[in-house]
Amino acid sequence: MPLRTYFSQKADLRSQLEQQQSLEAQLDQLQQQQAQLSDTAEVKAQARERLHYVMPGETPYVVQLPGDTGGSASATPSAPTTANGVWYQQLWSSAVGSPG
């Protein structure tokens, strides 16, 4: 019986150490992201890239070439649709309580 307990505890310890290493790696990655996002220039760049923000006085435009089917990543993204419609329609319907 004590030998079985020893091996069981040793396996538990190994799994806990692996989980700790995984969490430490995740913590390092999140700290790097936090450091990047503490820089205002990085935040502005992410807002421009991901949210298509423009600064006051700038004129935003989207170039669409003939024959372009919209497969490029720089095109304005369309809202993803699901079986019941666009995500924001589902959100609004759930907020006001009307069916789908």
N, C-alpha and C. Protein backbone atom coordinates (compact mmCIF):
# COMPACT_ATOMS: atom_id res chain seq x y z
N MET A 1 0.81 -1.20 0.00
CA MET A 1 0.00 0.00 0.00
C MET A 1 0.86 1.27 0.00
N PRO A 2 1.88 1.41 0.84
CA PRO A 2 2.69 2.63 0.83
C PRO A 2 3.40 2.85 -0.49
N LEU A 3 3.80 1.80 -1.18
CA LEU A 3 4.48 1.95 -2.45
C LEU A 3 3.53 2.53 -3.50
N ARG A 4 2.29 2.06 -3.48
CA ARG A 4 1.29 2.58 -4.42
C ARG A 4 1.03 4.07 -4.13
N THR A 5 0.95 4.43 -2.87
CA THR A 5 0.75 5.82 -2.50
C THR A 5 1.92 6.68 -2.95
N TYR A 6 3.13 6.16 -2.80
CA TYR A 6 4.33 6.88 -3.21
C TYR A 6 4.29 7.17 -4.71
N PHE A 7 3.99 6.16 -5.52
CA PHE A 7 3.94 6.34 -6.98
C PHE A 7 2.80 7.26 -7.38
N SER A 8 1.68 7.16 -6.70
CA SER A 8 0.55 8.03 -6.98
C SER A 8 0.91 9.49 -6.69
N GLN A 9 1.53 9.72 -5.56
CA GLN A 9 1.92 11.08 -5.21
C GLN A 9 3.01 11.62 -6.14
N LYS A 10 3.90 10.75 -6.56
CA LYS A 10 4.95 11.16 -7.48
C LYS A 10 4.34 11.56 -8.83
N ALA A 11 3.35 10.81 -9.30
CA ALA A 11 2.67 11.15 -10.56
C ALA A 11 1.90 12.46 -10.41
N ASP A 12 1.25 12.66 -9.26
CA ASP A 12 0.54 13.91 -9.01
C ASP A 12 1.49 15.09 -8.98
N LEU A 13 2.64 14.91 -8.36
CA LEU A 13 3.63 15.97 -8.29
C LEU A 13 4.13 16.32 -9.69
N ARG A 14 4.39 15.32 -10.51
CA ARG A 14 4.85 15.55 -11.88
C ARG A 14 3.81 16.34 -12.68
N SER A 15 2.54 15.95 -12.56
CA SER A 15 1.50 16.66 -13.30
C SER A 15 1.34 18.10 -12.79
N GLN A 16 1.49 18.31 -11.49
CA GLN A 16 1.40 19.66 -10.95
C GLN A 16 2.57 20.52 -11.42
N LEU A 17 3.76 19.95 -11.51
CA LEU A 17 4.92 20.69 -12.00
C LEU A 17 4.76 21.06 -13.48
N GLU A 18 4.23 20.14 -14.26
CA GLU A 18 3.97 20.43 -15.68
C GLU A 18 2.95 21.54 -15.82
N GLN A 19 1.91 21.49 -15.00
CA GLN A 19 0.88 22.53 -15.04
C GLN A 19 1.48 23.87 -14.62
N GLN A 20 2.34 23.88 -13.63
CA GLN A 20 2.98 25.11 -13.17
C GLN A 20 3.86 25.70 -14.28
N GLN A 21 4.62 24.85 -14.97
CA GLN A 21 5.45 25.33 -16.07
C GLN A 21 4.61 25.92 -17.19
N SER A 22 3.50 25.27 -17.48
CA SER A 22 2.60 25.78 -18.51
C SER A 22 2.02 27.14 -18.12
N LEU A 23 1.62 27.27 -16.87
CA LEU A 23 1.06 28.53 -16.41
C LEU A 23 2.12 29.64 -16.37
N GLU A 24 3.35 29.29 -16.03
CA GLU A 24 4.43 30.28 -16.04
C GLU A 24 4.72 30.76 -17.46
N ALA A 25 4.68 29.86 -18.42
CA ALA A 25 4.89 30.25 -19.82
C ALA A 25 3.76 31.17 -20.28
N GLN A 26 2.54 30.84 -19.89
CA GLN A 26 1.39 31.67 -20.24
C GLN A 26 1.51 33.05 -19.58
N LEU A 27 1.97 33.09 -18.33
CA LEU A 27 2.17 34.35 -17.63
C LEU A 27 3.22 35.20 -18.33
N ASP A 28 4.31 34.60 -18.76
CA ASP A 28 5.35 35.34 -19.49
C ASP A 28 4.79 35.95 -20.78
N GLN A 29 4.01 35.16 -21.48
CA GLN A 29 3.41 35.65 -22.73
C GLN A 29 2.46 36.81 -22.46
N LEU A 30 1.65 36.71 -21.42
CA LEU A 30 0.72 37.79 -21.10
C LEU A 30 1.45 39.04 -20.62
N GLN A 31 2.55 38.87 -19.91
CA GLN A 31 3.33 40.03 -19.48
C GLN A 31 3.98 40.73 -20.67
N GLN A 32 4.39 39.96 -21.68
CA GLN A 32 4.94 40.56 -22.90
C GLN A 32 3.86 41.36 -23.63
N GLN A 33 2.65 40.80 -23.71
CA GLN A 33 1.55 41.52 -24.34
C GLN A 33 1.22 42.79 -23.57
N GLN A 34 1.24 42.72 -22.25
CA GLN A 34 0.96 43.89 -21.43
C GLN A 34 2.01 44.97 -21.67
N ALA A 35 3.26 44.58 -21.77
CA ALA A 35 4.33 45.54 -22.02
C ALA A 35 4.17 46.19 -23.39
N GLN A 36 3.77 45.41 -24.38
CA GLN A 36 3.57 45.97 -25.72
C GLN A 36 2.40 46.94 -25.72
N LEU A 37 1.33 46.60 -25.02
CA LEU A 37 0.14 47.45 -25.03
C LEU A 37 0.26 48.64 -24.09
N SER A 38 1.30 48.71 -23.29
CA SER A 38 1.50 49.90 -22.46
C SER A 38 2.12 51.03 -23.28
N ASP A 39 2.63 50.70 -24.45
CA ASP A 39 3.19 51.70 -25.35
C ASP A 39 2.05 52.30 -26.18
N THR A 40 1.89 53.62 -26.12
CA THR A 40 0.77 54.26 -26.82
C THR A 40 0.89 54.12 -28.34
N ALA A 41 2.11 54.10 -28.85
CA ALA A 41 2.28 53.94 -30.29
C ALA A 41 1.78 52.57 -30.75
N GLU A 42 2.02 51.54 -29.95
CA GLU A 42 1.54 50.19 -30.28
C GLU A 42 0.02 50.13 -30.24
N VAL A 43 -0.58 50.81 -29.25
CA VAL A 43 -2.04 50.82 -29.15
C VAL A 43 -2.64 51.53 -30.36
N LYS A 44 -2.04 52.64 -30.76
CA LYS A 44 -2.54 53.35 -31.95
C LYS A 44 -2.40 52.49 -33.20
N ALA A 45 -1.28 51.80 -33.33
CA ALA A 45 -1.07 50.94 -34.50
C ALA A 45 -2.08 49.80 -34.53
N GLN A 46 -2.35 49.20 -33.38
CA GLN A 46 -3.35 48.12 -33.32
C GLN A 46 -4.74 48.65 -33.63
N ALA A 47 -5.08 49.84 -33.15
CA ALA A 47 -6.40 50.43 -33.43
C ALA A 47 -6.55 50.71 -34.91
N ARG A 48 -5.50 51.20 -35.53
CA ARG A 48 -5.57 51.45 -36.98
C ARG A 48 -5.71 50.15 -37.77
N GLU A 49 -4.93 49.16 -37.39
CA GLU A 49 -4.92 47.90 -38.14
C GLU A 49 -6.19 47.09 -37.92
N ARG A 50 -6.53 46.86 -36.66
CA ARG A 50 -7.61 45.93 -36.35
C ARG A 50 -8.99 46.58 -36.37
N LEU A 51 -9.08 47.86 -35.97
CA LEU A 51 -10.38 48.52 -35.85
C LEU A 51 -10.61 49.56 -36.93
N HIS A 52 -9.61 49.76 -37.81
CA HIS A 52 -9.69 50.72 -38.91
C HIS A 52 -9.95 52.14 -38.42
N TYR A 53 -9.30 52.51 -37.30
CA TYR A 53 -9.42 53.87 -36.78
C TYR A 53 -8.58 54.81 -37.63
N VAL A 54 -9.01 56.07 -37.68
CA VAL A 54 -8.25 57.11 -38.35
C VAL A 54 -8.13 58.29 -37.39
N MET A 55 -7.09 59.07 -37.56
CA MET A 55 -6.88 60.24 -36.72
C MET A 55 -7.72 61.40 -37.24
N PRO A 56 -8.07 62.33 -36.36
CA PRO A 56 -8.84 63.49 -36.82
C PRO A 56 -8.10 64.23 -37.93
N GLY A 57 -8.83 64.57 -38.96
CA GLY A 57 -8.24 65.26 -40.10
C GLY A 57 -7.82 64.32 -41.22
N GLU A 58 -7.73 63.04 -40.97
CA GLU A 58 -7.38 62.07 -42.00
C GLU A 58 -8.65 61.64 -42.74
N THR A 59 -8.48 61.28 -43.98
CA THR A 59 -9.60 60.80 -44.78
C THR A 59 -9.44 59.31 -45.02
N PRO A 60 -10.34 58.51 -44.47
CA PRO A 60 -10.23 57.06 -44.69
C PRO A 60 -10.78 56.68 -46.07
N TYR A 61 -10.17 55.70 -46.68
CA TYR A 61 -10.66 55.18 -47.95
C TYR A 61 -10.26 53.72 -48.09
N VAL A 62 -11.04 53.01 -48.90
CA VAL A 62 -10.76 51.61 -49.20
C VAL A 62 -10.64 51.49 -50.70
N VAL A 63 -9.56 50.91 -51.16
CA VAL A 63 -9.33 50.73 -52.59
C VAL A 63 -9.84 49.36 -52.99
N GLN A 64 -10.76 49.34 -53.95
CA GLN A 64 -11.27 48.08 -54.48
C GLN A 64 -10.91 48.01 -55.96
N LEU A 65 -10.15 47.02 -56.30
CA LEU A 65 -9.73 46.86 -57.68
C LEU A 65 -10.76 46.06 -58.46
N PRO A 66 -10.90 46.31 -59.75
CA PRO A 66 -11.83 45.54 -60.56
C PRO A 66 -11.44 44.06 -60.55
N GLY A 67 -12.41 43.20 -60.39
CA GLY A 67 -12.16 41.78 -60.38
C GLY A 67 -11.71 41.27 -59.03
N ASP A 68 -11.53 42.16 -58.07
CA ASP A 68 -11.14 41.74 -56.73
C ASP A 68 -12.37 41.20 -56.02
N THR A 69 -12.27 39.97 -55.54
CA THR A 69 -13.42 39.34 -54.91
C THR A 69 -13.48 39.60 -53.42
N GLY A 70 -12.63 40.46 -52.91
CA GLY A 70 -12.64 40.77 -51.48
C GLY A 70 -11.87 39.76 -50.66
N GLY A 71 -10.98 39.00 -51.27
CA GLY A 71 -10.23 37.99 -50.56
C GLY A 71 -9.03 38.54 -49.82
N SER A 72 -8.75 39.84 -49.99
CA SER A 72 -7.57 40.39 -49.33
C SER A 72 -7.87 40.68 -47.87
N ALA A 73 -6.82 40.66 -47.06
CA ALA A 73 -6.98 40.90 -45.62
C ALA A 73 -7.18 42.38 -45.32
N SER A 74 -6.79 43.28 -46.23
CA SER A 74 -6.90 44.71 -45.96
C SER A 74 -8.29 45.25 -46.26
N ALA A 75 -9.15 44.46 -46.89
CA ALA A 75 -10.50 44.92 -47.17
C ALA A 75 -11.29 45.01 -45.88
N THR A 76 -12.32 45.85 -45.89
CA THR A 76 -13.16 46.00 -44.71
C THR A 76 -13.86 44.68 -44.44
N PRO A 77 -13.73 44.14 -43.24
CA PRO A 77 -14.33 42.84 -42.95
C PRO A 77 -15.84 42.95 -42.85
N SER A 78 -16.52 41.94 -43.37
CA SER A 78 -17.97 41.90 -43.24
C SER A 78 -18.33 41.18 -41.96
N ALA A 79 -19.54 41.42 -41.48
CA ALA A 79 -19.97 40.81 -40.23
C ALA A 79 -20.19 39.31 -40.44
N PRO A 80 -19.68 38.49 -39.56
CA PRO A 80 -19.87 37.05 -39.72
C PRO A 80 -21.33 36.68 -39.49
N THR A 81 -21.81 35.79 -40.31
CA THR A 81 -23.20 35.37 -40.18
C THR A 81 -23.26 33.97 -39.59
N THR A 82 -24.36 33.70 -38.93
CA THR A 82 -24.61 32.39 -38.36
C THR A 82 -25.91 31.88 -38.94
N ALA A 83 -26.37 30.76 -38.44
CA ALA A 83 -27.60 30.16 -38.95
C ALA A 83 -28.81 31.07 -38.73
N ASN A 84 -28.76 31.89 -37.67
CA ASN A 84 -29.90 32.77 -37.35
C ASN A 84 -29.67 34.21 -37.76
N GLY A 85 -28.63 34.52 -38.50
CA GLY A 85 -28.39 35.88 -38.94
C GLY A 85 -27.05 36.40 -38.48
N VAL A 86 -26.90 37.70 -38.58
CA VAL A 86 -25.66 38.36 -38.23
C VAL A 86 -25.56 38.43 -36.71
N TRP A 87 -24.33 38.42 -36.18
CA TRP A 87 -24.13 38.33 -34.73
C TRP A 87 -24.76 39.49 -33.98
N TYR A 88 -24.71 40.71 -34.56
CA TYR A 88 -25.25 41.85 -33.83
C TYR A 88 -26.78 41.84 -33.83
N GLN A 89 -27.39 41.21 -34.83
CA GLN A 89 -28.85 41.06 -34.80
C GLN A 89 -29.25 40.10 -33.69
N GLN A 90 -28.48 39.04 -33.52
CA GLN A 90 -28.76 38.11 -32.43
C GLN A 90 -28.57 38.79 -31.08
N LEU A 91 -27.54 39.61 -30.96
CA LEU A 91 -27.29 40.33 -29.72
C LEU A 91 -28.44 41.27 -29.40
N TRP A 92 -28.86 42.02 -30.40
CA TRP A 92 -29.97 42.95 -30.19
C TRP A 92 -31.25 42.21 -29.83
N SER A 93 -31.51 41.12 -30.52
CA SER A 93 -32.71 40.34 -30.22
C SER A 93 -32.69 39.79 -28.80
N SER A 94 -31.52 39.35 -28.35
CA SER A 94 -31.43 38.84 -26.99
C SER A 94 -31.55 39.96 -25.97
N ALA A 95 -31.12 41.18 -26.33
CA ALA A 95 -31.19 42.30 -25.40
C ALA A 95 -32.62 42.81 -25.25
N VAL A 96 -33.36 42.88 -26.36
CA VAL A 96 -34.73 43.40 -26.28
C VAL A 96 -35.75 42.30 -26.04
N GLY A 97 -35.34 41.06 -26.14
CA GLY A 97 -36.21 39.95 -25.81
C GLY A 97 -37.10 39.47 -26.93
N SER A 98 -36.87 39.92 -28.17
CA SER A 98 -37.69 39.43 -29.27
C SER A 98 -37.05 38.19 -29.86
N PRO A 99 -37.84 37.25 -30.34
CA PRO A 99 -37.27 36.01 -30.90
C PRO A 99 -36.53 36.29 -32.20
N GLY A 100 -35.47 35.52 -32.40
CA GLY A 100 -34.55 35.51 -33.44
C GLY A 100 -34.66 36.02 -34.74
